[in-house]
C-alpha atoms as a PDB file:
ATOM      1  CA  MET A   1     -52.803   3.658 -14.215  1.00  0.00           C
ATOM      2  CA  VAL A   2     -52.497   7.226 -12.832  1.00  0.00           C
ATOM      3  CA  ARG A   3     -50.361   7.956  -9.748  1.00  0.00           C
ATOM      4  CA  ASN A   4     -50.763  11.562  -8.637  1.00  0.00           C
ATOM      5  CA  LEU A   5     -47.962  11.988  -6.090  1.00  0.00           C
ATOM      6  CA  GLY A   6     -49.074  15.554  -5.442  1.00  0.00           C
ATOM      7  CA  ALA A   7     -52.233  14.201  -3.830  1.00  0.00           C
ATOM      8  CA  GLU A   8     -50.088  12.687  -1.063  1.00  0.00           C
ATOM      9  CA  ASN A   9     -48.073  14.302   1.720  1.00  0.00           C
ATOM     10  CA  SER A  10     -44.659  14.295   0.087  1.00  0.00           C
ATOM     11  CA  LEU A  11     -41.668  16.504  -0.751  1.00  0.00           C
ATOM     12  CA  VAL A  12     -43.021  16.367  -4.306  1.00  0.00           C
ATOM     13  CA  ASN A  13     -45.364  19.219  -3.329  1.00  0.00           C
ATOM     14  CA  GLN A  14     -42.492  21.332  -1.965  1.00  0.00           C
ATOM     15  CA  TYR A  15     -40.574  21.163  -5.232  1.00  0.00           C
ATOM     16  CA  VAL A  16     -43.694  21.569  -7.384  1.00  0.00           C
ATOM     17  CA  ALA A  17     -44.460  24.737  -5.408  1.00  0.00           C
ATOM     18  CA  GLU A  18     -40.962  26.053  -6.103  1.00  0.00           C
ATOM     19  CA  ILE A  19     -40.986  25.357  -9.846  1.00  0.00           C
ATOM     20  CA  ARG A  20     -44.339  27.173 -10.093  1.00  0.00           C
ATOM     21  CA  ASP A  21     -43.156  30.220  -8.107  1.00  0.00           C
ATOM     22  CA  ALA A  22     -42.436  33.134 -10.488  1.00  0.00           C
ATOM     23  CA  GLU A  23     -39.786  34.570  -8.141  1.00  0.00           C
ATOM     24  CA  ILE A  24     -37.923  31.294  -7.631  1.00  0.00           C
ATOM     25  CA  GLN A  25     -38.085  30.646 -11.396  1.00  0.00           C
ATOM     26  CA  LYS A  26     -35.679  33.561 -11.916  1.00  0.00           C
ATOM     27  CA  ASP A  27     -32.894  31.256 -10.677  1.00  0.00           C
ATOM     28  CA  SER A  28     -32.590  28.871 -13.630  1.00  0.00           C
ATOM     29  CA  MET A  29     -30.072  26.644 -11.856  1.00  0.00           C
ATOM     30  CA  ARG A  30     -32.469  26.111  -8.944  1.00  0.00           C
ATOM     31  CA  PHE A  31     -35.305  25.528 -11.418  1.00  0.00           C
ATOM     32  CA  ARG A  32     -33.314  22.772 -13.146  1.00  0.00           C
ATOM     33  CA  ARG A  33     -32.237  21.279  -9.819  1.00  0.00           C
ATOM     34  CA  ASN A  34     -35.826  21.124  -8.589  1.00  0.00           C
ATOM     35  CA  PHE A  35     -36.824  19.173 -11.688  1.00  0.00           C
ATOM     36  CA  GLU A  36     -33.855  16.899 -11.062  1.00  0.00           C
ATOM     37  CA  ARG A  37     -34.997  16.371  -7.458  1.00  0.00           C
ATOM     38  CA  LEU A  38     -38.501  15.523  -8.648  1.00  0.00           C
ATOM     39  CA  GLY A  39     -37.022  12.990 -11.059  1.00  0.00           C
ATOM     40  CA  GLU A  40     -35.128  11.388  -8.181  1.00  0.00           C
ATOM     41  CA  ILE A  41     -38.245  11.132  -6.009  1.00  0.00           C
ATOM     42  CA  ILE A  42     -40.307   9.619  -8.813  1.00  0.00           C
ATOM     43  CA  ALA A  43     -37.478   7.224  -9.697  1.00  0.00           C
ATOM     44  CA  TYR A  44     -37.620   5.943  -6.123  1.00  0.00           C
ATOM     45  CA  GLU A  45     -41.390   5.479  -6.354  1.00  0.00           C
ATOM     46  CA  ILE A  46     -41.125   3.659  -9.694  1.00  0.00           C
ATOM     47  CA  SER A  47     -38.371   1.436  -8.298  1.00  0.00           C
ATOM     48  CA  LYS A  48     -40.959  -0.170  -6.007  1.00  0.00           C
ATOM     49  CA  GLU A  49     -42.803  -1.464  -9.100  1.00  0.00           C
ATOM     50  CA  LEU A  50     -39.809  -3.139 -10.784  1.00  0.00           C
ATOM     51  CA  GLU A  51     -38.584  -6.735 -10.633  1.00  0.00           C
ATOM     52  CA  TYR A  52     -35.838  -7.754  -8.211  1.00  0.00           C
ATOM     53  CA  GLU A  53     -33.653 -10.789  -7.698  1.00  0.00           C
ATOM     54  CA  LYS A  54     -31.610 -11.837  -4.682  1.00  0.00           C
ATOM     55  CA  LYS A  55     -27.854 -11.521  -4.991  1.00  0.00           C
ATOM     56  CA  GLU A  56     -25.111 -12.600  -2.613  1.00  0.00           C
ATOM     57  CA  ILE A  57     -22.871  -9.661  -1.715  1.00  0.00           C
ATOM     58  CA  VAL A  58     -19.498 -10.377  -0.114  1.00  0.00           C
ATOM     59  CA  THR A  59     -18.750  -7.971   2.748  1.00  0.00           C
ATOM     60  CA  PRO A  60     -15.508  -7.760   4.784  1.00  0.00           C
ATOM     61  CA  LEU A  61     -17.208  -9.931   7.421  1.00  0.00           C
ATOM     62  CA  GLY A  62     -19.329 -12.365   5.465  1.00  0.00           C
ATOM     63  CA  VAL A  63     -22.011 -12.725   2.809  1.00  0.00           C
ATOM     64  CA  ALA A  64     -25.283 -10.766   2.660  1.00  0.00           C
ATOM     65  CA  GLU A  65     -28.223 -11.708   0.464  1.00  0.00           C
ATOM     66  CA  VAL A  66     -29.697  -8.512  -0.988  1.00  0.00           C
ATOM     67  CA  PRO A  67     -32.598  -7.939  -3.446  1.00  0.00           C
ATOM     68  CA  VAL A  68     -31.240  -5.969  -6.429  1.00  0.00           C
ATOM     69  CA  LEU A  69     -32.793  -4.824  -9.688  1.00  0.00           C
ATOM     70  CA  LYS A  70     -33.212  -7.683 -12.115  1.00  0.00           C
ATOM     71  CA  LYS A  71     -32.945  -5.339 -15.081  1.00  0.00           C
ATOM     72  CA  TYR A  72     -32.540  -1.567 -15.322  1.00  0.00           C
ATOM     73  CA  PRO A  73     -35.300   0.321 -17.180  1.00  0.00           C
ATOM     74  CA  VAL A  74     -34.604   2.341 -20.329  1.00  0.00           C
ATOM     75  CA  LEU A  75     -34.928   6.087 -19.699  1.00  0.00           C
ATOM     76  CA  ALA A  76     -36.366   8.221 -22.505  1.00  0.00           C
ATOM     77  CA  THR A  77     -37.042  11.941 -22.652  1.00  0.00           C
ATOM     78  CA  ILE A  78     -38.273  14.608 -25.032  1.00  0.00           C
ATOM     79  CA  LEU A  79     -35.717  17.318 -25.810  1.00  0.00           C
ATOM     80  CA  ARG A  80     -35.071  19.913 -24.462  1.00  0.00           C
ATOM     81  CA  ALA A  81     -37.299  20.592 -21.471  1.00  0.00           C
ATOM     82  CA  GLY A  82     -37.104  17.009 -20.246  1.00  0.00           C
ATOM     83  CA  LEU A  83     -33.345  16.975 -19.679  1.00  0.00           C
ATOM     84  CA  PRO A  84     -33.253  18.008 -15.959  1.00  0.00           C
ATOM     85  CA  LEU A  85     -36.055  15.572 -15.144  1.00  0.00           C
ATOM     86  CA  HIS A  86     -34.241  12.870 -17.101  1.00  0.00           C
ATOM     87  CA  GLN A  87     -31.051  13.535 -15.133  1.00  0.00           C
ATOM     88  CA  GLY A  88     -32.915  13.034 -11.866  1.00  0.00           C
ATOM     89  CA  LEU A  89     -34.210   9.659 -13.047  1.00  0.00           C
ATOM     90  CA  LEU A  90     -30.715   8.747 -14.262  1.00  0.00           C
ATOM     91  CA  ASN A  91     -29.174   9.661 -10.888  1.00  0.00           C
ATOM     92  CA  PHE A  92     -31.094   6.749  -9.371  1.00  0.00           C
ATOM     93  CA  PHE A  93     -31.235   4.387 -12.364  1.00  0.00           C
ATOM     94  CA  ASP A  94     -27.544   4.936 -13.101  1.00  0.00           C
ATOM     95  CA  GLY A  95     -27.174   1.653 -14.962  1.00  0.00           C
ATOM     96  CA  SER A  96     -29.909   2.462 -17.470  1.00  0.00           C
ATOM     97  CA  GLU A  97     -29.704   2.795 -21.225  1.00  0.00           C
ATOM     98  CA  ASN A  98     -31.068   6.094 -22.539  1.00  0.00           C
ATOM     99  CA  ALA A  99     -33.269   7.286 -25.394  1.00  0.00           C
ATOM    100  CA  PHE A 100     -33.835  10.842 -26.644  1.00  0.00           C
ATOM    101  CA  VAL A 101     -36.546  12.172 -28.928  1.00  0.00           C
ATOM    102  CA  SER A 102     -36.634  15.571 -30.612  1.00  0.00           C
ATOM    103  CA  ALA A 103     -40.278  16.689 -30.782  1.00  0.00           C
ATOM    104  CA  TYR A 104     -41.603  20.218 -31.141  1.00  0.00           C
ATOM    105  CA  ARG A 105     -44.656  22.332 -31.900  1.00  0.00           C
ATOM    106  CA  TYR A 106     -44.784  23.675 -35.471  1.00  0.00           C
ATOM    107  CA  HIS A 107     -46.936  26.799 -35.316  1.00  0.00           C
ATOM    108  CA  TYR A 108     -49.060  28.079 -38.197  1.00  0.00           C
ATOM    109  CA  LYS A 109     -49.992  31.727 -38.802  1.00  0.00           C
ATOM    110  CA  ASP A 110     -53.583  31.095 -37.724  1.00  0.00           C
ATOM    111  CA  GLY A 111     -52.413  30.055 -34.258  1.00  0.00           C
ATOM    112  CA  GLN A 112     -52.843  26.333 -34.830  1.00  0.00           C
ATOM    113  CA  PHE A 113     -49.910  23.929 -34.470  1.00  0.00           C
ATOM    114  CA  ASP A 114     -48.801  20.391 -35.187  1.00  0.00           C
ATOM    115  CA  ILE A 115     -46.505  18.170 -33.150  1.00  0.00           C
ATOM    116  CA  ARG A 116     -43.533  17.002 -35.195  1.00  0.00           C
ATOM    117  CA  VAL A 117     -40.951  14.357 -34.307  1.00  0.00           C
ATOM    118  CA  GLU A 118     -37.594  14.963 -36.013  1.00  0.00           C
ATOM    119  CA  TYR A 119     -35.100  12.567 -34.451  1.00  0.00           C
ATOM    120  CA  THR A 120     -35.037   9.487 -32.237  1.00  0.00           C
ATOM    121  CA  SER A 121     -31.993   7.944 -30.549  1.00  0.00           C
ATOM    122  CA  SER A 122     -32.823   4.751 -28.671  1.00  0.00           C
ATOM    123  CA  PRO A 123     -31.518   1.313 -27.696  1.00  0.00           C
ATOM    124  CA  ASP A 124     -33.513  -1.846 -28.362  1.00  0.00           C
ATOM    125  CA  LEU A 125     -36.694  -1.674 -26.258  1.00  0.00           C
ATOM    126  CA  ASN A 126     -37.905  -5.249 -26.661  1.00  0.00           C
ATOM    127  CA  ASP A 127     -38.812  -6.905 -23.340  1.00  0.00           C
ATOM    128  CA  LYS A 128     -37.600  -3.914 -21.314  1.00  0.00           C
ATOM    129  CA  VAL A 129     -39.309  -1.454 -18.991  1.00  0.00           C
ATOM    130  CA  LEU A 130     -39.483   2.041 -20.497  1.00  0.00           C
ATOM    131  CA  ILE A 131     -39.638   5.255 -18.465  1.00  0.00           C
ATOM    132  CA  LEU A 132     -40.710   8.145 -20.701  1.00  0.00           C
ATOM    133  CA  ALA A 133     -40.300  11.616 -19.174  1.00  0.00           C
ATOM    134  CA  ASP A 134     -41.806  14.930 -20.270  1.00  0.00           C
ATOM    135  CA  PRO A 135     -42.132  17.607 -17.560  1.00  0.00           C
ATOM    136  CA  MET A 136     -45.363  19.164 -18.869  1.00  0.00           C
ATOM    137  CA  LEU A 137     -48.279  17.046 -20.056  1.00  0.00           C
ATOM    138  CA  ALA A 138     -50.564  19.526 -21.832  1.00  0.00           C
ATOM    139  CA  THR A 139     -52.633  17.958 -24.632  1.00  0.00           C
ATOM    140  CA  GLY A 140     -50.721  14.671 -24.519  1.00  0.00           C
ATOM    141  CA  ALA A 141     -50.199  14.686 -28.294  1.00  0.00           C
ATOM    142  CA  SER A 142     -46.397  14.961 -28.140  1.00  0.00           C
ATOM    143  CA  LEU A 143     -46.157  12.044 -25.708  1.00  0.00           C
ATOM    144  CA  VAL A 144     -48.313   9.827 -27.916  1.00  0.00           C
ATOM    145  CA  LEU A 145     -46.253  10.639 -31.024  1.00  0.00           C
ATOM    146  CA  THR A 146     -43.002  10.174 -29.095  1.00  0.00           C
ATOM    147  CA  HIS A 147     -44.144   6.798 -27.793  1.00  0.00           C
ATOM    148  CA  LYS A 148     -45.122   5.772 -31.323  1.00  0.00           C
ATOM    149  CA  ALA A 149     -41.639   6.712 -32.570  1.00  0.00           C
ATOM    150  CA  LEU A 150     -40.000   4.745 -29.751  1.00  0.00           C
ATOM    151  CA  LEU A 151     -42.068   1.645 -30.513  1.00  0.00           C
ATOM    152  CA  GLU A 152     -40.157   1.420 -33.792  1.00  0.00           C
ATOM    153  CA  LYS A 153     -37.188   0.459 -31.571  1.00  0.00           C
ATOM    154  CA  GLY A 154     -39.033  -2.415 -29.893  1.00  0.00           C
ATOM    155  CA  LYS A 155     -41.973  -3.265 -27.654  1.00  0.00           C
ATOM    156  CA  PRO A 156     -41.512  -2.572 -23.909  1.00  0.00           C
ATOM    157  CA  THR A 157     -43.071  -4.857 -21.320  1.00  0.00           C
ATOM    158  CA  HIS A 158     -44.281  -1.802 -19.389  1.00  0.00           C
ATOM    159  CA  THR A 159     -44.160   1.964 -19.916  1.00  0.00           C
ATOM    160  CA  HIS A 160     -43.955   4.439 -17.032  1.00  0.00           C
ATOM    161  CA  ILE A 161     -44.787   7.993 -18.113  1.00  0.00           C
ATOM    162  CA  VAL A 162     -43.385  10.744 -15.884  1.00  0.00           C
ATOM    163  CA  ALA A 163     -44.843  14.271 -16.032  1.00  0.00           C
ATOM    164  CA  ILE A 164     -44.521  16.833 -13.258  1.00  0.00           C
ATOM    165  CA  ILE A 165     -47.493  19.039 -14.148  1.00  0.00           C
ATOM    166  CA  ALA A 166     -50.343  17.669 -16.247  1.00  0.00           C
ATOM    167  CA  SER A 167     -53.647  19.013 -17.462  1.00  0.00           C
ATOM    168  CA  PHE A 168     -56.823  17.040 -16.840  1.00  0.00           C
ATOM    169  CA  GLN A 169     -57.306  16.915 -20.628  1.00  0.00           C
ATOM    170  CA  GLY A 170     -53.799  15.542 -21.149  1.00  0.00           C
ATOM    171  CA  VAL A 171     -54.320  12.811 -18.565  1.00  0.00           C
ATOM    172  CA  GLU A 172     -57.551  11.731 -20.262  1.00  0.00           C
ATOM    173  CA  PHE A 173     -55.806  11.718 -23.660  1.00  0.00           C
ATOM    174  CA  ILE A 174     -53.074   9.443 -22.312  1.00  0.00           C
ATOM    175  CA  LYS A 175     -55.688   7.082 -20.863  1.00  0.00           C
ATOM    176  CA  LYS A 176     -57.331   6.770 -24.274  1.00  0.00           C
ATOM    177  CA  ASN A 177     -54.156   6.378 -26.335  1.00  0.00           C
ATOM    178  CA  PHE A 178     -51.905   4.143 -24.227  1.00  0.00           C
ATOM    179  CA  PRO A 179     -52.563   0.487 -23.380  1.00  0.00           C
ATOM    180  CA  SER A 180     -54.009   0.502 -19.850  1.00  0.00           C
ATOM    181  CA  LYS A 181     -52.620  -2.901 -18.826  1.00  0.00           C
ATOM    182  CA  ASN A 182     -48.960  -1.993 -19.181  1.00  0.00           C
ATOM    183  CA  THR A 183     -48.847   1.796 -18.733  1.00  0.00           C
ATOM    184  CA  THR A 184     -48.487   3.837 -15.539  1.00  0.00           C
ATOM    185  CA  LEU A 185     -48.676   7.638 -15.517  1.00  0.00           C
ATOM    186  CA  TRP A 186     -46.805   9.386 -12.677  1.00  0.00           C
ATOM    187  CA  VAL A 187     -47.591  13.069 -12.100  1.00  0.00           C
ATOM    188  CA  GLY A 188     -46.780  15.701  -9.496  1.00  0.00           C
ATOM    189  CA  ALA A 189     -49.931  17.767 -10.031  1.00  0.00           C
ATOM    190  CA  ILE A 190     -52.997  17.834 -12.270  1.00  0.00           C
ATOM    191  CA  ASP A 191     -54.363  21.254 -13.309  1.00  0.00           C
ATOM    192  CA  ASP A 192     -57.897  21.719 -14.620  1.00  0.00           C
ATOM    193  CA  GLU A 193     -57.402  24.360 -17.309  1.00  0.00           C
ATOM    194  CA  LEU A 194     -55.769  24.268 -20.755  1.00  0.00           C
ATOM    195  CA  THR A 195     -55.684  27.439 -22.885  1.00  0.00           C
ATOM    196  CA  ALA A 196     -56.496  27.638 -26.600  1.00  0.00           C
ATOM    197  CA  GLN A 197     -52.724  27.690 -27.203  1.00  0.00           C
ATOM    198  CA  ALA A 198     -52.419  24.427 -25.198  1.00  0.00           C
ATOM    199  CA  TYR A 199     -50.698  25.932 -22.159  1.00  0.00           C
ATOM    200  CA  ILE A 200     -51.522  24.527 -18.727  1.00  0.00           C
ATOM    201  CA  VAL A 201     -53.104  26.940 -16.214  1.00  0.00           C
ATOM    202  CA  PRO A 202     -51.926  27.705 -13.594  1.00  0.00           C
ATOM    203  CA  GLY A 203     -49.015  25.529 -14.798  1.00  0.00           C
ATOM    204  CA  LEU A 204     -45.637  27.229 -14.604  1.00  0.00           C
ATOM    205  CA  GLY A 205     -44.892  28.688 -18.045  1.00  0.00           C
ATOM    206  CA  ASP A 206     -42.456  27.290 -20.601  1.00  0.00           C
ATOM    207  CA  ALA A 207     -40.294  24.716 -18.791  1.00  0.00           C
ATOM    208  CA  GLY A 208     -37.664  24.633 -21.545  1.00  0.00           C
ATOM    209  CA  ASP A 209     -37.208  28.413 -21.561  1.00  0.00           C
ATOM    210  CA  LEU A 210     -37.074  28.588 -17.768  1.00  0.00           C
ATOM    211  CA  ALA A 211     -34.444  25.853 -17.621  1.00  0.00           C
ATOM    212  CA  PHE A 212     -32.250  26.812 -20.568  1.00  0.00           C
ATOM    213  CA  GLY A 213     -33.153  30.310 -21.768  1.00  0.00           C
ATOM    214  CA  VAL A 214     -35.642  31.780 -24.224  1.00  0.00           C
ATOM    215  CA  LYS A 215     -35.519  30.335 -27.749  1.00  0.00           C
ATOM    216  CA  ILE A 216     -36.183  32.227 -30.978  1.00  0.00           C
END
């Protein structure tokens, strides 16, 4: 169920190192591009798990029989931090339909917060493979609520969850709240610590702010 690509020798680790680096983070364009690159690498890895069919391709010199995707997956992301990662996935799965979910933390004065889902835009998900991307998997609560909202649009045959940096707690939460038989979690790194404010340590900070600027 869990594929930790950071545990392997891969360029994933190079780009994870760069998105964590406080100096490199000052270049927001490079930060976004590194997330896009990570999305491309993970898209390639996920592509190995999809269904293919042979198709005859006419070349200038003859006919070649080539395995091609039987059906493109649906790509879904949580706004706004997930957009660069989503673009990387879309660069490879360029024939995919897309879904977007607006989810955010509503903070109370006592420091507690709830996860709220405001808006969902999605195609029909019945009998399709879903790839759900969120760059930071902290508690896992937002992903579970987002998935629940998407299920109102249909039931996927398989869900691939893509997170670049996850907490150990978040990974365990996903294991408990997603069906194990048809869910795969792809991560670039798993960190041990989660603060009381649900920030991953060492993590990288606020991915949305680093990519698009500080919000008020």
